[in-house]
Every structure is written in structure tokens, then in C-alpha cells.
């Protein structure tokens, strides 16, 4: 006999409620550390453990939400279109900044893992941490990493970026919207871009284009290795 949680709609409802709670807490506290996605992930994990719900059961509904990842990312094209003239005017610095940011991101995690003596398999899984999820998975497979670990690293990177980025702007007095957008898009992919949307339309546009350029640059670098 099927349980209540075997119904994919139940899992989808759990995800929506968890995220709504995250949004409520964030709205009440206005603290970056209470990122809605982070809170939702925490609540869902606690719920699954408390009621002994298997991961395979959760995935029955989770896969439908996962299907919306690509359309949600594509929505970043809206601010990009609105700022198309500004993007065209600053195309060279955007491209150079994003490519160099991707190189630094991938090489820094490689050297850091080697310095700390981390297993080579784990290192390969962490290298594409700043790339958007679909591309990161393919890079991980190409390198011989663990895709599940890569996805976890991508999510953690995105959440940390969205939490820390407002603080980084204040500490380093980053008053250039173009540079700010490129930085968060290159370092924290689509999850960071969601935060950029809250900051401003220019930041959102630059972050959106940085996600795409960083993904392409990362793939090319892997192919050249």
C-alpha cells in the first residue's frame, strides 16, 4: 500500500512549504545568513530524517522541481535583454573578467585540495563547484569525479555566495555594478545570480551573462587539459 509520501505531489508540497518558511524567516530577519534556500534544505533534511523517508521516495517528487531548474535559469535572460546595450558596450571586460575568474576558481580548488592532501577523486568532484549544475555534472563526469558530490559542492558554493556577497560589497566598497555582477555570477553561478536580482537590474544582467560565459570557459579549459 502506498504511503502519503509516495505521492510526488506530497514531496512537491513539502518543498514549497519549506521554501515559504525560508522566505518568511528571511523577510522577518533581513539577515543574509538566513538564506531561504539554505533554510528549505535544512528543513527538508530534518523532515526526511525525522519521518524516515527514503531519498528515493523524495526524488519521486523532487525530480519534477529539478526539471524547473533550466527554465528558472533562463529567466535570467530578462534583465540581460534589458541591459543589452550596456553588455555590448562592456563585452570585453565582461568576457575577460569571467574567464579569468573561472580559471582562478578551478585552479585554486585544485591546488588547495592538493595542499591539504585531499583524495584525487574528491578533488575532481570539487573543481567545477562554481559552474552551474548541468555543466558542473558533465565536467565532473569527464574528469572522473563523483557527480553527487559535485552537485553538493555547487549548492554550497551558491548559497555561501548569496550569503556573503552583500557583506563583500560593503567591506571592499564595490560600487561598480558591472564588476559586482560579474563577480557573483562567476563565483556563485545561478544561485548567486538570484541574489544579484535583489541587488539591482545591472548586477542581475551581468551575473546572468557571467554564468553562461563561465560555464563555456570551464568546459573549454577541461577539454584543453
C-alpha atoms as a PDB file:
ATOM      1  CA  UNK A   1       0.000   0.000   0.000  1.00  0.00           C
ATOM      2  CA  UNK A   2       1.373   3.396  -0.980  1.00  0.00           C
ATOM      3  CA  UNK A   3       2.052   5.880   1.794  1.00  0.00           C
ATOM      4  CA  UNK A   4       1.220   9.582   1.716  1.00  0.00           C
ATOM      5  CA  UNK A   5       4.823  10.436   0.821  1.00  0.00           C
ATOM      6  CA  UNK A   6       4.921   8.075  -2.137  1.00  0.00           C
ATOM      7  CA  UNK A   7       2.786  10.610  -3.967  1.00  0.00           C
ATOM      8  CA  UNK A   8       5.093  13.042  -5.866  1.00  0.00           C
ATOM      9  CA  UNK A   9       2.670  15.897  -5.117  1.00  0.00           C
ATOM     10  CA  UNK A  10       3.313  15.415  -1.386  1.00  0.00           C
ATOM     11  CA  UNK A  11       7.047  15.889  -1.891  1.00  0.00           C
ATOM     12  CA  UNK A  12       6.474  18.933  -4.083  1.00  0.00           C
ATOM     13  CA  UNK A  13       4.222  20.402  -1.372  1.00  0.00           C
ATOM     14  CA  UNK A  14       6.925  19.720   1.242  1.00  0.00           C
ATOM     15  CA  UNK A  15       9.488  21.605  -0.850  1.00  0.00           C
ATOM     16  CA  UNK A  16       7.166  24.564  -1.427  1.00  0.00           C
ATOM     17  CA  UNK A  17       6.220  24.849   2.257  1.00  0.00           C
ATOM     18  CA  UNK A  18       9.870  24.584   3.336  1.00  0.00           C
ATOM     19  CA  UNK A  19      10.892  27.333   0.942  1.00  0.00           C
ATOM     20  CA  UNK A  20       7.963  29.520   2.008  1.00  0.00           C
ATOM     21  CA  UNK A  21       9.115  29.160   5.621  1.00  0.00           C
ATOM     22  CA  UNK A  22      12.591  30.170   4.491  1.00  0.00           C
ATOM     23  CA  UNK A  23      11.224  33.245   2.733  1.00  0.00           C
ATOM     24  CA  UNK A  24       9.226  34.191   5.840  1.00  0.00           C
ATOM     25  CA  UNK A  25      12.233  33.894   8.164  1.00  0.00           C
ATOM     26  CA  UNK A  26      14.417  35.865   5.765  1.00  0.00           C
ATOM     27  CA  UNK A  27      11.795  38.607   5.409  1.00  0.00           C
ATOM     28  CA  UNK A  28      11.433  38.903   9.189  1.00  0.00           C
ATOM     29  CA  UNK A  29      15.159  38.920   9.994  1.00  0.00           C
ATOM     30  CA  UNK A  30      16.546  40.518   6.829  1.00  0.00           C
ATOM     31  CA  UNK A  31      19.802  38.690   7.547  1.00  0.00           C
ATOM     32  CA  UNK A  32      21.747  37.193   4.642  1.00  0.00           C
ATOM     33  CA  UNK A  33      22.687  34.148   6.719  1.00  0.00           C
ATOM     34  CA  UNK A  34      19.017  33.096   6.741  1.00  0.00           C
ATOM     35  CA  UNK A  35      19.038  32.336   3.035  1.00  0.00           C
ATOM     36  CA  UNK A  36      15.612  30.891   2.068  1.00  0.00           C
ATOM     37  CA  UNK A  37      17.132  28.053   0.055  1.00  0.00           C
ATOM     38  CA  UNK A  38      19.511  27.135   2.884  1.00  0.00           C
ATOM     39  CA  UNK A  39      16.631  27.063   5.368  1.00  0.00           C
ATOM     40  CA  UNK A  40      14.493  24.987   2.984  1.00  0.00           C
ATOM     41  CA  UNK A  41      17.279  22.429   2.506  1.00  0.00           C
ATOM     42  CA  UNK A  42      17.824  22.214   6.268  1.00  0.00           C
ATOM     43  CA  UNK A  43      14.111  21.746   6.988  1.00  0.00           C
ATOM     44  CA  UNK A  44      13.687  19.096   4.307  1.00  0.00           C
ATOM     45  CA  UNK A  45      16.691  17.098   5.541  1.00  0.00           C
ATOM     46  CA  UNK A  46      15.412  17.234   9.128  1.00  0.00           C
ATOM     47  CA  UNK A  47      11.937  16.204   7.977  1.00  0.00           C
ATOM     48  CA  UNK A  48      13.206  13.239   5.953  1.00  0.00           C
ATOM     49  CA  UNK A  49      15.288  12.012   8.881  1.00  0.00           C
ATOM     50  CA  UNK A  50      12.529  12.510  11.436  1.00  0.00           C
ATOM     51  CA  UNK A  51       9.943  10.506   9.490  1.00  0.00           C
ATOM     52  CA  UNK A  52      12.409   8.033   7.924  1.00  0.00           C
ATOM     53  CA  UNK A  53      11.505   8.991   4.370  1.00  0.00           C
ATOM     54  CA  UNK A  54      13.883   7.365   1.879  1.00  0.00           C
ATOM     55  CA  UNK A  55      15.820   9.527  -0.549  1.00  0.00           C
ATOM     56  CA  UNK A  56      14.381   7.560  -3.470  1.00  0.00           C
ATOM     57  CA  UNK A  57      10.895   8.464  -2.243  1.00  0.00           C
ATOM     58  CA  UNK A  58      11.837  12.134  -2.047  1.00  0.00           C
ATOM     59  CA  UNK A  59      13.271  12.012  -5.567  1.00  0.00           C
ATOM     60  CA  UNK A  60       9.882  10.912  -6.930  1.00  0.00           C
ATOM     61  CA  UNK A  61       8.661  14.458  -6.412  1.00  0.00           C
ATOM     62  CA  UNK A  62      11.993  16.251  -6.325  1.00  0.00           C
ATOM     63  CA  UNK A  63      12.711  15.360  -9.949  1.00  0.00           C
ATOM     64  CA  UNK A  64       9.756  17.499 -11.073  1.00  0.00           C
ATOM     65  CA  UNK A  65      11.149  20.527  -9.238  1.00  0.00           C
ATOM     66  CA  UNK A  66      14.565  19.767 -10.689  1.00  0.00           C
ATOM     67  CA  UNK A  67      13.014  19.975 -14.161  1.00  0.00           C
ATOM     68  CA  UNK A  68      12.294  23.646 -13.486  1.00  0.00           C
ATOM     69  CA  UNK A  69      15.981  24.437 -12.877  1.00  0.00           C
ATOM     70  CA  UNK A  70      16.765  25.167 -16.523  1.00  0.00           C
ATOM     71  CA  UNK A  71      13.664  27.362 -17.152  1.00  0.00           C
ATOM     72  CA  UNK A  72      14.411  29.273 -13.936  1.00  0.00           C
ATOM     73  CA  UNK A  73      17.997  29.875 -15.067  1.00  0.00           C
ATOM     74  CA  UNK A  74      16.815  31.006 -18.494  1.00  0.00           C
ATOM     75  CA  UNK A  75      14.697  33.686 -16.774  1.00  0.00           C
ATOM     76  CA  UNK A  76      17.980  35.494 -16.084  1.00  0.00           C
ATOM     77  CA  UNK A  77      17.852  36.412 -19.772  1.00  0.00           C
ATOM     78  CA  UNK A  78      15.175  39.018 -18.985  1.00  0.00           C
ATOM     79  CA  UNK A  79      17.492  41.514 -17.192  1.00  0.00           C
ATOM     80  CA  UNK A  80      20.202  40.644 -19.731  1.00  0.00           C
ATOM     81  CA  UNK A  81      17.902  41.708 -22.558  1.00  0.00           C
ATOM     82  CA  UNK A  82      17.008  44.938 -20.778  1.00  0.00           C
ATOM     83  CA  UNK A  83      20.703  45.739 -20.311  1.00  0.00           C
ATOM     84  CA  UNK A  84      21.813  44.509 -23.738  1.00  0.00           C
ATOM     85  CA  UNK A  85      23.303  47.863 -24.749  1.00  0.00           C
ATOM     86  CA  UNK A  86      25.374  48.056 -21.577  1.00  0.00           C
ATOM     87  CA  UNK A  87      26.514  44.448 -22.066  1.00  0.00           C
ATOM     88  CA  UNK A  88      27.513  45.164 -25.661  1.00  0.00           C
ATOM     89  CA  UNK A  89      29.470  48.241 -24.567  1.00  0.00           C
ATOM     90  CA  UNK A  90      31.365  46.296 -21.889  1.00  0.00           C
ATOM     91  CA  UNK A  91      31.619  42.927 -23.666  1.00  0.00           C
ATOM     92  CA  UNK A  92      35.434  42.713 -23.493  1.00  0.00           C
ATOM     93  CA  UNK A  93      35.825  43.368 -19.739  1.00  0.00           C
ATOM     94  CA  UNK A  94      32.892  41.031 -19.050  1.00  0.00           C
ATOM     95  CA  UNK A  95      34.496  38.225 -21.057  1.00  0.00           C
ATOM     96  CA  UNK A  96      37.995  38.756 -19.658  1.00  0.00           C
ATOM     97  CA  UNK A  97      36.810  39.070 -16.062  1.00  0.00           C
ATOM     98  CA  UNK A  98      34.630  35.973 -16.281  1.00  0.00           C
ATOM     99  CA  UNK A  99      37.260  33.797 -17.973  1.00  0.00           C
ATOM    100  CA  UNK A 100      39.990  34.771 -15.517  1.00  0.00           C
ATOM    101  CA  UNK A 101      37.553  34.292 -12.644  1.00  0.00           C
ATOM    102  CA  UNK A 102      36.799  30.764 -13.856  1.00  0.00           C
ATOM    103  CA  UNK A 103      40.491  29.955 -14.210  1.00  0.00           C
ATOM    104  CA  UNK A 104      41.210  31.185 -10.679  1.00  0.00           C
ATOM    105  CA  UNK A 105      38.207  29.317  -9.262  1.00  0.00           C
ATOM    106  CA  UNK A 106      39.140  25.957 -10.766  1.00  0.00           C
ATOM    107  CA  UNK A 107      42.891  26.229 -10.213  1.00  0.00           C
ATOM    108  CA  UNK A 108      42.547  27.454  -6.608  1.00  0.00           C
ATOM    109  CA  UNK A 109      40.394  24.491  -5.589  1.00  0.00           C
ATOM    110  CA  UNK A 110      42.816  22.131  -7.349  1.00  0.00           C
ATOM    111  CA  UNK A 111      45.898  23.490  -5.571  1.00  0.00           C
ATOM    112  CA  UNK A 112      44.076  23.810  -2.244  1.00  0.00           C
ATOM    113  CA  UNK A 113      42.958  20.167  -2.363  1.00  0.00           C
ATOM    114  CA  UNK A 114      46.471  19.035  -3.265  1.00  0.00           C
ATOM    115  CA  UNK A 115      47.983  21.136  -0.480  1.00  0.00           C
ATOM    116  CA  UNK A 116      45.550  19.644   2.049  1.00  0.00           C
ATOM    117  CA  UNK A 117      46.164  16.120   0.773  1.00  0.00           C
ATOM    118  CA  UNK A 118      42.545  15.553  -0.259  1.00  0.00           C
ATOM    119  CA  UNK A 119      41.766  12.420  -2.269  1.00  0.00           C
ATOM    120  CA  UNK A 120      42.126  12.883  -6.042  1.00  0.00           C
ATOM    121  CA  UNK A 121      38.566  11.640  -6.657  1.00  0.00           C
ATOM    122  CA  UNK A 122      37.172  14.294  -4.312  1.00  0.00           C
ATOM    123  CA  UNK A 123      39.360  16.950  -5.920  1.00  0.00           C
ATOM    124  CA  UNK A 124      37.977  16.153  -9.370  1.00  0.00           C
ATOM    125  CA  UNK A 125      34.465  16.393  -7.950  1.00  0.00           C
ATOM    126  CA  UNK A 126      35.075  19.828  -6.408  1.00  0.00           C
ATOM    127  CA  UNK A 127      36.825  21.501  -9.350  1.00  0.00           C
ATOM    128  CA  UNK A 128      33.599  22.621 -11.129  1.00  0.00           C
ATOM    129  CA  UNK A 129      31.969  23.922  -7.900  1.00  0.00           C
ATOM    130  CA  UNK A 130      31.451  27.439  -9.310  1.00  0.00           C
ATOM    131  CA  UNK A 131      29.840  26.247 -12.537  1.00  0.00           C
ATOM    132  CA  UNK A 132      26.077  25.975 -12.975  1.00  0.00           C
ATOM    133  CA  UNK A 133      24.765  22.494 -12.081  1.00  0.00           C
ATOM    134  CA  UNK A 134      24.163  20.865 -15.523  1.00  0.00           C
ATOM    135  CA  UNK A 135      27.618  21.890 -16.774  1.00  0.00           C
ATOM    136  CA  UNK A 136      29.261  21.011 -13.442  1.00  0.00           C
ATOM    137  CA  UNK A 137      27.881  17.467 -13.618  1.00  0.00           C
ATOM    138  CA  UNK A 138      29.242  16.944 -17.130  1.00  0.00           C
ATOM    139  CA  UNK A 139      32.656  18.312 -16.136  1.00  0.00           C
ATOM    140  CA  UNK A 140      32.696  16.015 -13.103  1.00  0.00           C
ATOM    141  CA  UNK A 141      31.863  13.013 -15.301  1.00  0.00           C
ATOM    142  CA  UNK A 142      34.584  13.988 -17.775  1.00  0.00           C
ATOM    143  CA  UNK A 143      37.186  14.262 -15.019  1.00  0.00           C
ATOM    144  CA  UNK A 144      36.046  11.020 -13.400  1.00  0.00           C
ATOM    145  CA  UNK A 145      34.637  12.676 -10.284  1.00  0.00           C
ATOM    146  CA  UNK A 146      31.536  11.935  -8.216  1.00  0.00           C
ATOM    147  CA  UNK A 147      28.534  13.837  -9.681  1.00  0.00           C
ATOM    148  CA  UNK A 148      26.549  13.699  -6.410  1.00  0.00           C
ATOM    149  CA  UNK A 149      29.433  15.324  -4.541  1.00  0.00           C
ATOM    150  CA  UNK A 150      29.782  17.890  -7.307  1.00  0.00           C
ATOM    151  CA  UNK A 151      26.113  18.857  -7.014  1.00  0.00           C
ATOM    152  CA  UNK A 152      26.504  19.266  -3.235  1.00  0.00           C
ATOM    153  CA  UNK A 153      29.576  21.472  -3.746  1.00  0.00           C
ATOM    154  CA  UNK A 154      27.740  23.587  -6.344  1.00  0.00           C
ATOM    155  CA  UNK A 155      24.800  24.140  -3.974  1.00  0.00           C
ATOM    156  CA  UNK A 156      27.050  25.039  -1.021  1.00  0.00           C
ATOM    157  CA  UNK A 157      29.063  27.428  -3.211  1.00  0.00           C
ATOM    158  CA  UNK A 158      25.914  29.130  -4.474  1.00  0.00           C
ATOM    159  CA  UNK A 159      24.395  29.522  -1.018  1.00  0.00           C
ATOM    160  CA  UNK A 160      27.635  30.844   0.500  1.00  0.00           C
ATOM    161  CA  UNK A 161      27.965  33.280  -2.381  1.00  0.00           C
ATOM    162  CA  UNK A 162      24.441  34.631  -1.913  1.00  0.00           C
ATOM    163  CA  UNK A 163      25.004  34.945   1.839  1.00  0.00           C
ATOM    164  CA  UNK A 164      28.463  36.532   1.768  1.00  0.00           C
ATOM    165  CA  UNK A 165      28.204  38.693  -1.336  1.00  0.00           C
ATOM    166  CA  UNK A 166      26.306  41.630   0.256  1.00  0.00           C
ATOM    167  CA  UNK A 167      28.938  41.704   3.011  1.00  0.00           C
ATOM    168  CA  UNK A 168      31.775  41.563   0.478  1.00  0.00           C
ATOM    169  CA  UNK A 169      30.294  44.540  -1.374  1.00  0.00           C
ATOM    170  CA  UNK A 170      30.299  46.589   1.837  1.00  0.00           C
ATOM    171  CA  UNK A 171      33.750  45.512   3.057  1.00  0.00           C
ATOM    172  CA  UNK A 172      35.513  46.112  -0.263  1.00  0.00           C
ATOM    173  CA  UNK A 173      33.275  49.064  -1.202  1.00  0.00           C
ATOM    174  CA  UNK A 174      32.374  47.613  -4.600  1.00  0.00           C
ATOM    175  CA  UNK A 175      30.324  50.456  -6.068  1.00  0.00           C
ATOM    176  CA  UNK A 176      30.678  49.231  -9.661  1.00  0.00           C
ATOM    177  CA  UNK A 177      27.513  47.341 -10.601  1.00  0.00           C
ATOM    178  CA  UNK A 178      29.129  45.673 -13.614  1.00  0.00           C
ATOM    179  CA  UNK A 179      32.072  44.309 -11.599  1.00  0.00           C
ATOM    180  CA  UNK A 180      29.778  43.187  -8.788  1.00  0.00           C
ATOM    181  CA  UNK A 181      27.522  41.275 -11.167  1.00  0.00           C
ATOM    182  CA  UNK A 182      30.416  39.583 -12.941  1.00  0.00           C
ATOM    183  CA  UNK A 183      31.958  38.572  -9.616  1.00  0.00           C
ATOM    184  CA  UNK A 184      28.888  36.901  -8.144  1.00  0.00           C
ATOM    185  CA  UNK A 185      27.878  35.230 -11.418  1.00  0.00           C
ATOM    186  CA  UNK A 186      31.338  33.783 -11.980  1.00  0.00           C
ATOM    187  CA  UNK A 187      31.835  32.617  -8.404  1.00  0.00           C
ATOM    188  CA  UNK A 188      28.327  31.522  -7.404  1.00  0.00           C
ATOM    189  CA  UNK A 189      26.506  30.674 -10.669  1.00  0.00           C
ATOM    190  CA  UNK A 190      22.663  30.780 -10.789  1.00  0.00           C
ATOM    191  CA  UNK A 191      22.099  30.719  -7.018  1.00  0.00           C
ATOM    192  CA  UNK A 192      24.317  33.749  -6.614  1.00  0.00           C
ATOM    193  CA  UNK A 193      22.563  35.383  -9.551  1.00  0.00           C
ATOM    194  CA  UNK A 194      19.272  35.081  -7.689  1.00  0.00           C
ATOM    195  CA  UNK A 195      20.803  37.324  -5.027  1.00  0.00           C
ATOM    196  CA  UNK A 196      22.079  39.702  -7.697  1.00  0.00           C
ATOM    197  CA  UNK A 197      18.477  40.154  -8.863  1.00  0.00           C
ATOM    198  CA  UNK A 198      17.642  41.511  -5.405  1.00  0.00           C
ATOM    199  CA  UNK A 199      20.567  43.940  -5.513  1.00  0.00           C
ATOM    200  CA  UNK A 200      19.871  45.548  -8.878  1.00  0.00           C
ATOM    201  CA  UNK A 201      18.975  45.014 -12.523  1.00  0.00           C
ATOM    202  CA  UNK A 202      22.506  45.730 -13.790  1.00  0.00           C
ATOM    203  CA  UNK A 203      24.006  43.273 -11.298  1.00  0.00           C
ATOM    204  CA  UNK A 204      21.431  40.676 -12.348  1.00  0.00           C
ATOM    205  CA  UNK A 205      22.194  41.145 -16.050  1.00  0.00           C
ATOM    206  CA  UNK A 206      25.968  40.937 -15.575  1.00  0.00           C
ATOM    207  CA  UNK A 207      25.631  37.957 -13.265  1.00  0.00           C
ATOM    208  CA  UNK A 208      23.411  36.145 -15.759  1.00  0.00           C
ATOM    209  CA  UNK A 209      25.837  36.551 -18.639  1.00  0.00           C
ATOM    210  CA  UNK A 210      28.762  35.626 -16.369  1.00  0.00           C
ATOM    211  CA  UNK A 211      27.086  32.302 -15.541  1.00  0.00           C
ATOM    212  CA  UNK A 212      26.937  31.383 -19.225  1.00  0.00           C
ATOM    213  CA  UNK A 213      30.437  32.588 -20.113  1.00  0.00           C
ATOM    214  CA  UNK A 214      31.931  30.907 -17.036  1.00  0.00           C
ATOM    215  CA  UNK A 215      30.265  27.622 -17.997  1.00  0.00           C
ATOM    216  CA  UNK A 216      31.633  27.758 -21.534  1.00  0.00           C
ATOM    217  CA  UNK A 217      35.101  28.791 -20.316  1.00  0.00           C
ATOM    218  CA  UNK A 218      35.169  25.951 -17.781  1.00  0.00           C
ATOM    219  CA  UNK A 219      34.269  23.344 -20.410  1.00  0.00           C
ATOM    220  CA  UNK A 220      36.954  24.642 -22.779  1.00  0.00           C
ATOM    221  CA  UNK A 221      39.581  24.565 -20.010  1.00  0.00           C
ATOM    222  CA  UNK A 222      38.709  20.971 -19.155  1.00  0.00           C
ATOM    223  CA  UNK A 223      38.956  19.948 -22.827  1.00  0.00           C
ATOM    224  CA  UNK A 224      42.382  21.573 -23.086  1.00  0.00           C
ATOM    225  CA  UNK A 225      43.778  19.725 -20.060  1.00  0.00           C
END
